[in-house]
PDB file of N, CA and C in Angstrom:
ATOM      1  N   MET A   1    -104.939-100.455 -47.360  1.00  0.00           N
ATOM      2  CA  MET A   1    -105.722 -99.243 -47.469  1.00  0.00           C
ATOM      3  C   MET A   1    -105.734 -98.807 -48.930  1.00  0.00           C
ATOM      4  N   LYS A   2    -106.859 -98.391 -49.396  1.00  0.00           N
ATOM      5  CA  LYS A   2    -106.998 -97.991 -50.789  1.00  0.00           C
ATOM      6  C   LYS A   2    -106.340 -96.645 -51.049  1.00  0.00           C
ATOM      7  N   LEU A   3    -105.861 -96.501 -52.269  1.00  0.00           N
ATOM      8  CA  LEU A   3    -105.204 -95.270 -52.667  1.00  0.00           C
ATOM      9  C   LEU A   3    -106.133 -94.065 -52.513  1.00  0.00           C
ATOM     10  N   ASN A   4    -107.395 -94.258 -52.829  1.00  0.00           N
ATOM     11  CA  ASN A   4    -108.375 -93.175 -52.714  1.00  0.00           C
ATOM     12  C   ASN A   4    -108.489 -92.681 -51.266  1.00  0.00           C
ATOM     13  N   GLN A   5    -108.484 -93.603 -50.328  1.00  0.00           N
ATOM     14  CA  GLN A   5    -108.559 -93.237 -48.905  1.00  0.00           C
ATOM     15  C   GLN A   5    -107.301 -92.483 -48.473  1.00  0.00           C
ATOM     16  N   ILE A   6    -106.168 -92.951 -48.947  1.00  0.00           N
ATOM     17  CA  ILE A   6    -104.901 -92.299 -48.607  1.00  0.00           C
ATOM     18  C   ILE A   6    -104.886 -90.882 -49.156  1.00  0.00           C
ATOM     19  N   MET A   7    -105.365 -90.700 -50.389  1.00  0.00           N
ATOM     20  CA  MET A   7    -105.397 -89.369 -50.993  1.00  0.00           C
ATOM     21  C   MET A   7    -106.322 -88.439 -50.209  1.00  0.00           C
ATOM     22  N   LYS A   8    -107.448 -88.942 -49.755  1.00  0.00           N
ATOM     23  CA  LYS A   8    -108.372 -88.123 -48.960  1.00  0.00           C
ATOM     24  C   LYS A   8    -107.742 -87.725 -47.630  1.00  0.00           C
ATOM     25  N   GLN A   9    -107.056 -88.674 -47.014  1.00  0.00           N
ATOM     26  CA  GLN A   9    -106.374 -88.371 -45.751  1.00  0.00           C
ATOM     27  C   GLN A   9    -105.272 -87.333 -45.967  1.00  0.00           C
ATOM     28  N   ALA A  10    -104.533 -87.486 -47.046  1.00  0.00           N
ATOM     29  CA  ALA A  10    -103.453 -86.541 -47.346  1.00  0.00           C
ATOM     30  C   ALA A  10    -104.024 -85.145 -47.577  1.00  0.00           C
ATOM     31  N   GLN A  11    -105.136 -85.062 -48.283  1.00  0.00           N
ATOM     32  CA  GLN A  11    -105.756 -83.766 -48.538  1.00  0.00           C
ATOM     33  C   GLN A  11    -106.255 -83.144 -47.236  1.00  0.00           C
ATOM     34  N   ALA A  12    -106.854 -83.955 -46.374  1.00  0.00           N
ATOM     35  CA  ALA A  12    -107.333 -83.451 -45.086  1.00  0.00           C
ATOM     36  C   ALA A  12    -106.165 -82.951 -44.235  1.00  0.00           C
ATOM     37  N   LEU A  13    -105.063 -83.689 -44.245  1.00  0.00           N
ATOM     38  CA  LEU A  13    -103.883 -83.264 -43.495  1.00  0.00           C
ATOM     39  C   LEU A  13    -103.296 -81.985 -44.072  1.00  0.00           C
ATOM     40  N   GLN A  14    -103.338 -81.844 -45.393  1.00  0.00           N
ATOM     41  CA  GLN A  14    -102.836 -80.627 -46.027  1.00  0.00           C
ATOM     42  C   GLN A  14    -103.659 -79.419 -45.586  1.00  0.00           C
ATOM     43  N   GLU A  15    -104.961 -79.564 -45.541  1.00  0.00           N
ATOM     44  CA  GLU A  15    -105.834 -78.473 -45.092  1.00  0.00           C
ATOM     45  C   GLU A  15    -105.571 -78.137 -43.620  1.00  0.00           C
ATOM     46  N   LYS A  16    -105.393 -79.175 -42.810  1.00  0.00           N
ATOM     47  CA  LYS A  16    -105.112 -78.968 -41.390  1.00  0.00           C
ATOM     48  C   LYS A  16    -103.779 -78.231 -41.218  1.00  0.00           C
ATOM     49  N   PHE A  17    -102.779 -78.630 -41.995  1.00  0.00           N
ATOM     50  CA  PHE A  17    -101.461 -77.996 -41.933  1.00  0.00           C
ATOM     51  C   PHE A  17    -101.561 -76.527 -42.353  1.00  0.00           C
ATOM     52  N   LYS A  18    -102.311 -76.259 -43.406  1.00  0.00           N
ATOM     53  CA  LYS A  18    -102.495 -74.880 -43.877  1.00  0.00           C
ATOM     54  C   LYS A  18    -103.134 -74.023 -42.786  1.00  0.00           C
ATOM     55  N   LYS A  19    -104.130 -74.561 -42.102  1.00  0.00           N
ATOM     56  CA  LYS A  19    -104.803 -73.845 -41.018  1.00  0.00           C
ATOM     57  C   LYS A  19    -103.832 -73.595 -39.860  1.00  0.00           C
ATOM     58  N   GLN A  20    -103.028 -74.595 -39.536  1.00  0.00           N
ATOM     59  CA  GLN A  20    -102.065 -74.435 -38.453  1.00  0.00           C
ATOM     60  C   GLN A  20    -101.047 -73.344 -38.791  1.00  0.00           C
ATOM     61  N   LEU A  21    -100.633 -73.270 -40.054  1.00  0.00           N
ATOM     62  CA  LEU A  21     -99.705 -72.213 -40.458  1.00  0.00           C
ATOM     63  C   LEU A  21    -100.349 -70.839 -40.317  1.00  0.00           C
ATOM     64  N   GLU A  22    -101.627 -70.748 -40.669  1.00  0.00           N
ATOM     65  CA  GLU A  22    -102.321 -69.468 -40.540  1.00  0.00           C
ATOM     66  C   GLU A  22    -102.388 -69.025 -39.083  1.00  0.00           C
ATOM     67  N   ASP A  23    -102.517 -69.985 -38.182  1.00  0.00           N
ATOM     68  CA  ASP A  23    -102.630 -69.685 -36.757  1.00  0.00           C
ATOM     69  C   ASP A  23    -101.283 -69.500 -36.063  1.00  0.00           C
ATOM     70  N   LEU A  24    -100.207 -69.916 -36.717  1.00  0.00           N
ATOM     71  CA  LEU A  24     -98.876 -69.841 -36.124  1.00  0.00           C
ATOM     72  C   LEU A  24     -98.402 -68.394 -36.053  1.00  0.00           C
ATOM     73  N   ASN A  25     -97.880 -68.015 -34.918  1.00  0.00           N
ATOM     74  CA  ASN A  25     -97.272 -66.699 -34.737  1.00  0.00           C
ATOM     75  C   ASN A  25     -95.949 -66.879 -34.021  1.00  0.00           C
ATOM     76  N   VAL A  26     -94.919 -66.256 -34.553  1.00  0.00           N
ATOM     77  CA  VAL A  26     -93.609 -66.308 -33.913  1.00  0.00           C
ATOM     78  C   VAL A  26     -93.115 -64.883 -33.689  1.00  0.00           C
ATOM     79  N   GLU A  27     -92.199 -64.766 -32.749  1.00  0.00           N
ATOM     80  CA  GLU A  27     -91.548 -63.489 -32.513  1.00  0.00           C
ATOM     81  C   GLU A  27     -90.049 -63.741 -32.497  1.00  0.00           C
ATOM     82  N   ALA A  28     -89.325 -62.842 -33.131  1.00  0.00           N
ATOM     83  CA  ALA A  28     -87.873 -62.936 -33.140  1.00  0.00           C
ATOM     84  C   ALA A  28     -87.315 -61.558 -32.817  1.00  0.00           C
ATOM     85  N   ALA A  29     -86.118 -61.555 -32.260  1.00  0.00           N
ATOM     86  CA  ALA A  29     -85.504 -60.294 -31.852  1.00  0.00           C
ATOM     87  C   ALA A  29     -84.068 -60.224 -32.352  1.00  0.00           C
ATOM     88  N   ALA A  30     -83.588 -59.012 -32.444  1.00  0.00           N
ATOM     89  CA  ALA A  30     -82.183 -58.767 -32.799  1.00  0.00           C
ATOM     90  C   ALA A  30     -81.689 -57.619 -31.928  1.00  0.00           C
ATOM     91  N   GLY A  31     -80.386 -57.527 -31.814  1.00  0.00           N
ATOM     92  CA  GLY A  31     -79.798 -56.449 -31.025  1.00  0.00           C
ATOM     93  C   GLY A  31     -80.166 -56.539 -29.564  1.00  0.00           C
ATOM     94  N   GLY A  32     -80.187 -57.769 -29.048  1.00  0.00           N
ATOM     95  CA  GLY A  32     -80.515 -57.948 -27.634  1.00  0.00           C
ATOM     96  C   GLY A  32     -81.946 -57.545 -27.306  1.00  0.00           C
ATOM     97  N   GLY A  33     -82.848 -57.698 -28.276  1.00  0.00           N
ATOM     98  CA  GLY A  33     -84.252 -57.375 -28.038  1.00  0.00           C
ATOM     99  C   GLY A  33     -84.623 -55.948 -28.407  1.00  0.00           C
ATOM    100  N   MET A  34     -83.677 -55.217 -28.958  1.00  0.00           N
ATOM    101  CA  MET A  34     -83.954 -53.825 -29.335  1.00  0.00           C
ATOM    102  C   MET A  34     -84.906 -53.742 -30.528  1.00  0.00           C
ATOM    103  N   VAL A  35     -84.849 -54.751 -31.400  1.00  0.00           N
ATOM    104  CA  VAL A  35     -85.759 -54.833 -32.544  1.00  0.00           C
ATOM    105  C   VAL A  35     -86.455 -56.181 -32.478  1.00  0.00           C
ATOM    106  N   LYS A  36     -87.785 -56.162 -32.525  1.00  0.00           N
ATOM    107  CA  LYS A  36     -88.578 -57.393 -32.481  1.00  0.00           C
ATOM    108  C   LYS A  36     -89.513 -57.424 -33.680  1.00  0.00           C
ATOM    109  N   VAL A  37     -89.694 -58.634 -34.214  1.00  0.00           N
ATOM    110  CA  VAL A  37     -90.580 -58.829 -35.358  1.00  0.00           C
ATOM    111  C   VAL A  37     -91.538 -59.959 -35.029  1.00  0.00           C
ATOM    112  N   GLN A  38     -92.817 -59.730 -35.305  1.00  0.00           N
ATOM    113  CA  GLN A  38     -93.828 -60.770 -35.184  1.00  0.00           C
ATOM    114  C   GLN A  38     -94.210 -61.190 -36.600  1.00  0.00           C
ATOM    115  N   MET A  39     -94.306 -62.512 -36.818  1.00  0.00           N
ATOM    116  CA  MET A  39     -94.583 -63.047 -38.145  1.00  0.00           C
ATOM    117  C   MET A  39     -95.527 -64.229 -38.006  1.00  0.00           C
ATOM    118  N   ASN A  40     -96.426 -64.394 -38.989  1.00  0.00           N
ATOM    119  CA  ASN A  40     -97.300 -65.566 -38.961  1.00  0.00           C
ATOM    120  C   ASN A  40     -96.696 -66.684 -39.793  1.00  0.00           C
ATOM    121  N   GLY A  41     -97.381 -67.812 -39.820  1.00  0.00           N
ATOM    122  CA  GLY A  41     -96.872 -68.987 -40.517  1.00  0.00           C
ATOM    123  C   GLY A  41     -96.812 -68.849 -42.017  1.00  0.00           C
ATOM    124  N   ASN A  42     -97.491 -67.857 -42.565  1.00  0.00           N
ATOM    125  CA  ASN A  42     -97.410 -67.580 -43.997  1.00  0.00           C
ATOM    126  C   ASN A  42     -96.298 -66.590 -44.311  1.00  0.00           C
ATOM    127  N   LYS A  43     -95.502 -66.286 -43.298  1.00  0.00           N
ATOM    128  CA  LYS A  43     -94.366 -65.367 -43.386  1.00  0.00           C
ATOM    129  C   LYS A  43     -94.788 -63.935 -43.697  1.00  0.00           C
ATOM    130  N   THR A  44     -95.955 -63.574 -43.195  1.00  0.00           N
ATOM    131  CA  THR A  44     -96.399 -62.194 -43.263  1.00  0.00           C
ATOM    132  C   THR A  44     -95.961 -61.515 -41.980  1.00  0.00           C
ATOM    133  N   VAL A  45     -95.266 -60.401 -42.103  1.00  0.00           N
ATOM    134  CA  VAL A  45     -94.834 -59.655 -40.923  1.00  0.00           C
ATOM    135  C   VAL A  45     -96.062 -58.974 -40.330  1.00  0.00           C
ATOM    136  N   LEU A  46     -96.337 -59.302 -39.074  1.00  0.00           N
ATOM    137  CA  LEU A  46     -97.504 -58.766 -38.383  1.00  0.00           C
ATOM    138  C   LEU A  46     -97.182 -57.499 -37.614  1.00  0.00           C
ATOM    139  N   GLY A  47     -95.939 -57.359 -37.236  1.00  0.00           N
ATOM    140  CA  GLY A  47     -95.558 -56.176 -36.477  1.00  0.00           C
ATOM    141  C   GLY A  47     -94.063 -56.081 -36.293  1.00  0.00           C
ATOM    142  N   VAL A  48     -93.621 -54.864 -36.086  1.00  0.00           N
ATOM    143  CA  VAL A  48     -92.214 -54.588 -35.817  1.00  0.00           C
ATOM    144  C   VAL A  48     -92.167 -53.631 -34.635  1.00  0.00           C
ATOM    145  N   SER A  49     -91.333 -53.956 -33.668  1.00  0.00           N
ATOM    146  CA  SER A  49     -91.160 -53.106 -32.496  1.00  0.00           C
ATOM    147  C   SER A  49     -89.692 -52.683 -32.436  1.00  0.00           C
ATOM    148  N   ILE A  50     -89.474 -51.374 -32.350  1.00  0.00           N
ATOM    149  CA  ILE A  50     -88.105 -50.852 -32.316  1.00  0.00           C
ATOM    150  C   ILE A  50     -87.945 -49.991 -31.073  1.00  0.00           C
ATOM    151  N   ASP A  51     -86.989 -50.351 -30.244  1.00  0.00           N
ATOM    152  CA  ASP A  51     -86.686 -49.571 -29.054  1.00  0.00           C
ATOM    153  C   ASP A  51     -86.130 -48.215 -29.497  1.00  0.00           C
ATOM    154  N   PRO A  52     -86.670 -47.128 -28.990  1.00  0.00           N
ATOM    155  CA  PRO A  52     -86.202 -45.797 -29.398  1.00  0.00           C
ATOM    156  C   PRO A  52     -84.703 -45.580 -29.205  1.00  0.00           C
ATOM    157  N   GLU A  53     -84.104 -46.293 -28.268  1.00  0.00           N
ATOM    158  CA  GLU A  53     -82.676 -46.124 -28.027  1.00  0.00           C
ATOM    159  C   GLU A  53     -81.821 -46.565 -29.209  1.00  0.00           C
ATOM    160  N   VAL A  54     -82.355 -47.430 -30.056  1.00  0.00           N
ATOM    161  CA  VAL A  54     -81.570 -47.936 -31.182  1.00  0.00           C
ATOM    162  C   VAL A  54     -81.710 -47.026 -32.411  1.00  0.00           C
ATOM    163  N   VAL A  55     -82.592 -46.059 -32.336  1.00  0.00           N
ATOM    164  CA  VAL A  55     -82.794 -45.134 -33.455  1.00  0.00           C
ATOM    165  C   VAL A  55     -81.758 -44.007 -33.366  1.00  0.00           C
ATOM    166  N   ASP A  56     -80.897 -44.008 -34.362  1.00  0.00           N
ATOM    167  CA  ASP A  56     -79.836 -43.000 -34.419  1.00  0.00           C
ATOM    168  C   ASP A  56     -79.745 -42.517 -35.863  1.00  0.00           C
ATOM    169  N   LYS A  57     -80.105 -41.279 -36.087  1.00  0.00           N
ATOM    170  CA  LYS A  57     -80.129 -40.762 -37.458  1.00  0.00           C
ATOM    171  C   LYS A  57     -78.760 -40.817 -38.123  1.00  0.00           C
ATOM    172  N   ASP A  58     -77.714 -40.908 -37.329  1.00  0.00           N
ATOM    173  CA  ASP A  58     -76.369 -40.981 -37.890  1.00  0.00           C
ATOM    174  C   ASP A  58     -75.920 -42.418 -38.158  1.00  0.00           C
ATOM    175  N   ASP A  59     -76.752 -43.397 -37.766  1.00  0.00           N
ATOM    176  CA  ASP A  59     -76.403 -44.802 -37.976  1.00  0.00           C
ATOM    177  C   ASP A  59     -77.638 -45.598 -38.401  1.00  0.00           C
ATOM    178  N   VAL A  60     -78.248 -45.159 -39.475  1.00  0.00           N
ATOM    179  CA  VAL A  60     -79.436 -45.829 -40.007  1.00  0.00           C
ATOM    180  C   VAL A  60     -79.091 -47.250 -40.452  1.00  0.00           C
ATOM    181  N   GLU A  61     -77.892 -47.440 -40.933  1.00  0.00           N
ATOM    182  CA  GLU A  61     -77.469 -48.747 -41.421  1.00  0.00           C
ATOM    183  C   GLU A  61     -77.562 -49.816 -40.323  1.00  0.00           C
ATOM    184  N   MET A  62     -77.191 -49.466 -39.103  1.00  0.00           N
ATOM    185  CA  MET A  62     -77.279 -50.426 -37.997  1.00  0.00           C
ATOM    186  C   MET A  62     -78.729 -50.832 -37.769  1.00  0.00           C
ATOM    187  N   LEU A  63     -79.644 -49.882 -37.775  1.00  0.00           N
ATOM    188  CA  LEU A  63     -81.061 -50.184 -37.581  1.00  0.00           C
ATOM    189  C   LEU A  63     -81.573 -51.072 -38.709  1.00  0.00           C
ATOM    190  N   GLN A  64     -81.173 -50.774 -39.925  1.00  0.00           N
ATOM    191  CA  GLN A  64     -81.573 -51.611 -41.060  1.00  0.00           C
ATOM    192  C   GLN A  64     -81.068 -53.040 -40.887  1.00  0.00           C
ATOM    193  N   ASP A  65     -79.841 -53.173 -40.438  1.00  0.00           N
ATOM    194  CA  ASP A  65     -79.270 -54.505 -40.203  1.00  0.00           C
ATOM    195  C   ASP A  65     -80.032 -55.258 -39.123  1.00  0.00           C
ATOM    196  N   LEU A  66     -80.414 -54.558 -38.051  1.00  0.00           N
ATOM    197  CA  LEU A  66     -81.156 -55.203 -36.964  1.00  0.00           C
ATOM    198  C   LEU A  66     -82.539 -55.650 -37.425  1.00  0.00           C
ATOM    199  N   VAL A  67     -83.214 -54.828 -38.198  1.00  0.00           N
ATOM    200  CA  VAL A  67     -84.538 -55.204 -38.721  1.00  0.00           C
ATOM    201  C   VAL A  67     -84.395 -56.410 -39.642  1.00  0.00           C
ATOM    202  N   THR A  68     -83.415 -56.378 -40.513  1.00  0.00           N
ATOM    203  CA  THR A  68     -83.175 -57.505 -41.420  1.00  0.00           C
ATOM    204  C   THR A  68     -82.901 -58.783 -40.638  1.00  0.00           C
ATOM    205  N   ALA A  69     -82.061 -58.689 -39.618  1.00  0.00           N
ATOM    206  CA  ALA A  69     -81.730 -59.862 -38.805  1.00  0.00           C
ATOM    207  C   ALA A  69     -82.961 -60.406 -38.092  1.00  0.00           C
ATOM    208  N   ALA A  70     -83.795 -59.531 -37.562  1.00  0.00           N
ATOM    209  CA  ALA A  70     -84.998 -59.980 -36.849  1.00  0.00           C
ATOM    210  C   ALA A  70     -85.986 -60.640 -37.806  1.00  0.00           C
ATOM    211  N   VAL A  71     -86.160 -60.080 -38.992  1.00  0.00           N
ATOM    212  CA  VAL A  71     -87.067 -60.679 -39.987  1.00  0.00           C
ATOM    213  C   VAL A  71     -86.544 -62.041 -40.418  1.00  0.00           C
ATOM    214  N   ASN A  72     -85.253 -62.140 -40.670  1.00  0.00           N
ATOM    215  CA  ASN A  72     -84.674 -63.428 -41.076  1.00  0.00           C
ATOM    216  C   ASN A  72     -84.808 -64.473 -39.973  1.00  0.00           C
ATOM    217  N   GLU A  73     -84.631 -64.073 -38.731  1.00  0.00           N
ATOM    218  CA  GLU A  73     -84.772 -65.001 -37.609  1.00  0.00           C
ATOM    219  C   GLU A  73     -86.220 -65.454 -37.477  1.00  0.00           C
ATOM    220  N   ALA A  74     -87.164 -64.546 -37.650  1.00  0.00           N
ATOM    221  CA  ALA A  74     -88.582 -64.919 -37.588  1.00  0.00           C
ATOM    222  C   ALA A  74     -88.915 -65.899 -38.702  1.00  0.00           C
ATOM    223  N   SER A  75     -88.398 -65.663 -39.876  1.00  0.00           N
ATOM    224  CA  SER A  75     -88.630 -66.569 -41.005  1.00  0.00           C
ATOM    225  C   SER A  75     -88.061 -67.953 -40.717  1.00  0.00           C
ATOM    226  N   ARG A  76     -86.872 -67.992 -40.128  1.00  0.00           N
ATOM    227  CA  ARG A  76     -86.255 -69.273 -39.771  1.00  0.00           C
ATOM    228  C   ARG A  76     -87.107 -70.011 -38.745  1.00  0.00           C
ATOM    229  N   LYS A  77     -87.647 -69.260 -37.776  1.00  0.00           N
ATOM    230  CA  LYS A  77     -88.498 -69.879 -36.749  1.00  0.00           C
ATOM    231  C   LYS A  77     -89.780 -70.442 -37.358  1.00  0.00           C
ATOM    232  N   VAL A  78     -90.359 -69.732 -38.315  1.00  0.00           N
ATOM    233  CA  VAL A  78     -91.558 -70.239 -38.996  1.00  0.00           C
ATOM    234  C   VAL A  78     -91.224 -71.544 -39.715  1.00  0.00           C
ATOM    235  N   ASP A  79     -90.108 -71.565 -40.443  1.00  0.00           N
ATOM    236  CA  ASP A  79     -89.704 -72.778 -41.152  1.00  0.00           C
ATOM    237  C   ASP A  79     -89.502 -73.944 -40.189  1.00  0.00           C
ATOM    238  N   GLU A  80     -88.852 -73.680 -39.081  1.00  0.00           N
ATOM    239  CA  GLU A  80     -88.582 -74.715 -38.090  1.00  0.00           C
ATOM    240  C   GLU A  80     -89.880 -75.270 -37.506  1.00  0.00           C
ATOM    241  N   GLU A  81     -90.780 -74.383 -37.140  1.00  0.00           N
ATOM    242  CA  GLU A  81     -92.056 -74.807 -36.559  1.00  0.00           C
ATOM    243  C   GLU A  81     -92.900 -75.564 -37.590  1.00  0.00           C
ATOM    244  N   ALA A  82     -92.924 -75.082 -38.820  1.00  0.00           N
ATOM    245  CA  ALA A  82     -93.680 -75.747 -39.879  1.00  0.00           C
ATOM    246  C   ALA A  82     -93.126 -77.143 -40.131  1.00  0.00           C
ATOM    247  N   GLN A  83     -91.821 -77.274 -40.129  1.00  0.00           N
ATOM    248  CA  GLN A  83     -91.192 -78.581 -40.343  1.00  0.00           C
ATOM    249  C   GLN A  83     -91.567 -79.554 -39.233  1.00  0.00           C
ATOM    250  N   GLN A  84     -91.578 -79.073 -37.995  1.00  0.00           N
ATOM    251  CA  GLN A  84     -91.962 -79.929 -36.870  1.00  0.00           C
ATOM    252  C   GLN A  84     -93.415 -80.364 -36.988  1.00  0.00           C
ATOM    253  N   GLN A  85     -94.285 -79.426 -37.329  1.00  0.00           N
ATOM    254  CA  GLN A  85     -95.707 -79.754 -37.460  1.00  0.00           C
ATOM    255  C   GLN A  85     -95.939 -80.724 -38.609  1.00  0.00           C
ATOM    256  N   LEU A  86     -95.277 -80.494 -39.721  1.00  0.00           N
ATOM    257  CA  LEU A  86     -95.439 -81.362 -40.880  1.00  0.00           C
ATOM    258  C   LEU A  86     -94.923 -82.762 -40.573  1.00  0.00           C
ATOM    259  N   GLY A  87     -93.817 -82.839 -39.875  1.00  0.00           N
ATOM    260  CA  GLY A  87     -93.268 -84.147 -39.511  1.00  0.00           C
ATOM    261  C   GLY A  87     -94.198 -84.934 -38.617  1.00  0.00           C
ATOM    262  N   SER A  88     -94.826 -84.262 -37.666  1.00  0.00           N
ATOM    263  CA  SER A  88     -95.747 -84.975 -36.778  1.00  0.00           C
ATOM    264  C   SER A  88     -97.019 -85.371 -37.513  1.00  0.00           C
ATOM    265  N   MET A  89     -97.436 -84.573 -38.476  1.00  0.00           N
ATOM    266  CA  MET A  89     -98.643 -84.894 -39.237  1.00  0.00           C
ATOM    267  C   MET A  89     -98.400 -86.020 -40.236  1.00  0.00           C
ATOM    268  N   ALA A  90     -97.199 -86.097 -40.772  1.00  0.00           N
ATOM    269  CA  ALA A  90     -96.887 -87.113 -41.772  1.00  0.00           C
ATOM    270  C   ALA A  90     -97.012 -88.525 -41.199  1.00  0.00           C
ATOM    271  N   GLY A  91     -96.793 -88.646 -39.916  1.00  0.00           N
ATOM    272  CA  GLY A  91     -96.936 -89.951 -39.274  1.00  0.00           C
ATOM    273  C   GLY A  91     -98.371 -90.435 -39.251  1.00  0.00           C
ATOM    274  N   ASN A  92     -99.310 -89.573 -39.570  1.00  0.00           N
ATOM    275  CA  ASN A  92    -100.731 -89.947 -39.582  1.00  0.00           C
ATOM    276  C   ASN A  92    -101.183 -90.530 -40.903  1.00  0.00           C
ATOM    277  N   LEU A  93    -100.268 -90.678 -41.851  1.00  0.00           N
ATOM    278  CA  LEU A  93    -100.604 -91.295 -43.131  1.00  0.00           C
ATOM    279  C   LEU A  93    -100.118 -92.733 -43.128  1.00  0.00           C
ATOM    280  N   PRO A  94    -100.986 -93.667 -42.817  1.00  0.00           N
ATOM    281  CA  PRO A  94    -100.564 -95.071 -42.728  1.00  0.00           C
ATOM    282  C   PRO A  94    -100.093 -95.600 -44.072  1.00  0.00           C
ATOM    283  N   GLY A  95     -99.078 -96.432 -44.012  1.00  0.00           N
ATOM    284  CA  GLY A  95     -98.578 -97.068 -45.202  1.00  0.00           C
ATOM    285  C   GLY A  95     -97.549 -96.246 -45.956  1.00  0.00           C
ATOM    286  N   LEU A  96     -97.393 -94.982 -45.585  1.00  0.00           N
ATOM    287  CA  LEU A  96     -96.415 -94.136 -46.276  1.00  0.00           C
ATOM    288  C   LEU A  96     -95.155 -93.949 -45.464  1.00  0.00           C
ATOM    289  N   PHE A  97     -95.281 -94.019 -44.138  1.00  0.00           N
ATOM    290  CA  PHE A  97     -94.119 -93.747 -43.284  1.00  0.00           C
ATOM    291  C   PHE A  97     -93.984 -94.831 -42.246  1.00  0.00           C
TER     292      PHE A  97
END
């Protein structure tokens, strides 16, 4: 296979991967589901849901920790999903893998 063809295939796969990331949505939770975060594949936070029971004006630090944990978990899930998608797409480049 010619290098030019391989480069075109790689570029097409890159565009497909970028589109899949844009369409990817994950949800992660912390505190037993008391705080939930929705994030897309570009790691943009789409939404945050906080159970009113976890809101305590005397313990703001706990709420901050739960939000941080949920965002970090969502980010980890995006990375994991992206890695799986990229791995399956890489097999479509003949001669490289």
